[in-house]
Protein backbone atom coordinates (compact mmCIF):
# COMPACT_ATOMS: atom_id res chain seq x y z
CA MET A 1 -2.68 -18.35 25.98
CA GLN A 2 -0.21 -16.81 28.37
CA LYS A 3 0.07 -13.26 29.66
CA TRP A 4 3.53 -11.75 29.31
CA VAL A 5 4.64 -8.53 30.90
CA GLY A 6 7.97 -7.25 29.61
CA LEU A 7 10.47 -9.09 27.47
CA ASP A 8 11.17 -12.77 27.83
CA THR A 9 14.98 -12.72 27.62
CA ARG A 10 15.06 -16.32 26.42
CA LEU A 11 13.89 -15.04 23.03
CA GLY A 12 17.12 -13.15 22.40
CA SER A 13 17.56 -10.10 20.22
CA ASN A 14 16.16 -11.68 17.05
CA TYR A 15 12.57 -11.33 18.20
CA THR A 16 10.25 -8.47 19.03
CA SER A 17 9.05 -8.12 22.58
CA VAL A 18 5.43 -8.53 23.52
CA SER A 19 4.42 -6.66 26.63
CA SER A 20 1.20 -6.48 28.64
CA GLN A 21 -0.79 -8.39 26.01
CA MET A 22 -2.15 -11.88 25.60
CA TRP A 23 0.34 -13.96 23.64
CA ASP A 24 -0.17 -17.23 21.80
CA GLY A 25 3.52 -18.13 21.57
CA ILE A 26 4.15 -17.19 17.92
CA VAL A 27 6.71 -14.41 17.61
CA ILE A 28 7.74 -12.60 14.42
CA THR A 29 11.48 -12.17 13.85
CA GLN A 30 12.81 -8.66 14.36
CA ALA A 31 14.04 -8.48 10.73
CA ASP A 32 10.63 -9.45 9.33
CA PHE A 33 8.85 -7.07 11.68
CA GLN A 34 11.05 -4.17 10.55
CA ALA A 35 10.60 -5.07 6.86
CA LEU A 36 6.80 -5.18 7.24
CA GLN A 37 6.76 -1.85 9.07
CA ALA A 38 8.81 -0.25 6.26
CA PHE A 39 6.44 -1.82 3.71
CA LYS A 40 3.43 -0.42 5.58
CA ARG A 41 4.92 3.09 5.83
CA LYS A 42 5.25 3.28 2.03
CA LEU A 43 1.64 2.28 1.34
CA VAL A 44 -1.42 4.50 1.40
CA ASP A 45 -4.13 2.50 3.17
CA HIS A 46 -7.40 4.16 2.14
CA LEU A 47 -9.61 1.55 3.86
CA GLY A 48 -7.61 1.09 7.08
CA ILE A 49 -6.86 -2.55 6.30
CA LEU A 50 -3.37 -2.33 7.82
CA ARG A 51 -4.55 -0.98 11.19
CA SER A 52 -4.01 -4.45 12.59
CA TRP A 53 -0.28 -4.08 11.84
CA ASN A 54 0.57 -2.66 15.25
CA ASP A 55 3.87 -1.14 16.39
CA SER A 56 4.68 -3.99 18.78
CA GLY A 57 4.64 -6.92 16.36
CA PHE A 58 2.00 -8.60 18.53
CA GLY A 59 -0.18 -10.95 16.49
CA ALA A 60 1.81 -10.62 13.26
CA CYS A 61 2.36 -14.36 12.92
CA SER A 62 -0.73 -15.62 14.71
CA GLY A 63 -3.33 -14.31 12.27
CA GLY A 64 -3.76 -10.90 13.88
CA TRP A 65 -2.21 -8.94 11.02
CA ALA A 66 -4.31 -8.71 7.86
CA GLY A 67 -2.83 -10.60 4.93
CA ILE A 68 0.25 -12.00 6.69
CA LYS A 69 1.09 -15.68 7.02
CA CYS A 70 4.21 -16.98 8.76
CA VAL A 71 6.11 -20.15 9.50
CA LYS A 72 8.40 -20.22 12.55
CA GLY A 73 8.17 -16.44 12.94
CA GLN A 74 9.10 -15.68 9.34
CA VAL A 75 6.70 -14.15 6.82
CA ILE A 76 5.98 -16.52 3.92
CA VAL A 77 2.93 -14.80 2.38
CA ILE A 78 1.70 -11.23 1.95
CA GLN A 79 -1.85 -11.51 0.64
CA LEU A 80 -3.57 -8.14 0.23
CA PRO A 81 -5.63 -8.17 -3.00
CA TRP A 82 -8.56 -5.78 -3.44
CA LYS A 83 -7.64 -3.74 -0.35
CA GLY A 84 -7.61 -0.19 -1.77
CA LEU A 85 -3.87 0.15 -1.21
CA SER A 86 -1.78 2.55 -3.28
CA SER A 87 1.75 3.93 -3.62
CA HIS A 88 4.74 1.63 -4.08
CA ILE A 89 6.59 -1.33 -2.64
CA THR A 90 9.77 -0.62 -0.67
CA GLU A 91 13.10 -2.40 -1.28
CA LYS A 92 12.93 -3.57 2.35
CA ILE A 93 10.41 -6.21 1.27
CA SER A 94 13.38 -8.21 -0.04
CA GLN A 95 14.56 -8.61 3.57
CA LEU A 96 11.73 -11.11 4.10
CA GLN A 97 14.00 -14.14 3.62
CA ALA A 98 11.22 -16.76 3.77
CA LEU A 99 8.73 -14.86 1.56
CA ARG A 100 7.22 -17.15 -1.09
CA LYS A 101 4.13 -15.27 -2.29
CA ILE A 102 2.98 -11.68 -2.68
CA SER A 103 -0.61 -11.19 -3.80
CA MET A 104 -1.52 -7.52 -4.16
CA HIS A 105 -3.59 -7.51 -7.33
CA ASN A 106 -6.36 -4.97 -7.84
CA ASN A 107 -4.66 -2.26 -5.78
CA THR A 108 -3.03 0.88 -7.17
CA ILE A 109 0.66 0.09 -6.91
CA THR A 110 2.27 2.60 -9.26
CA CYS A 111 5.96 1.72 -9.37
CA LEU A 112 8.06 -1.27 -10.24
CA ILE A 113 8.60 -4.14 -7.87
CA PRO A 114 12.09 -3.82 -6.36
CA THR A 115 14.79 -5.55 -8.41
CA SER A 116 16.08 -7.18 -5.24
CA LEU A 117 13.02 -9.45 -5.33
CA GLY A 118 14.41 -10.96 -8.51
CA SER A 119 16.92 -12.93 -6.45
CA SER A 120 14.23 -13.96 -3.98
CA PRO A 121 12.69 -17.47 -4.23
CA ILE A 122 9.14 -16.12 -4.73
């Protein structure tokens, strides 16, 4: 593990910065980070399961974010069954280009899944 302070400019603008935290080298893409943050904002998290989804993106693809699995910085799985979540799923979820699986059964999701997911490979 390395300690990074500030933004490593070699990462370019497609990645979130990690500052003043331990870093394992796995970085979430900026687009996926923004899509997950929009997804989180629309959900009501009665049990605090999504507290690990911090505002920096740190840990999102290294197992630090509950229910998220990534490959090469892109989210491939959202797995949040039985988590006491409610509300609805935002259209922004379709921006997760590598997403292959969403498992959110046994929550209270009250609206339709966005039609834009119909063109997604999941």
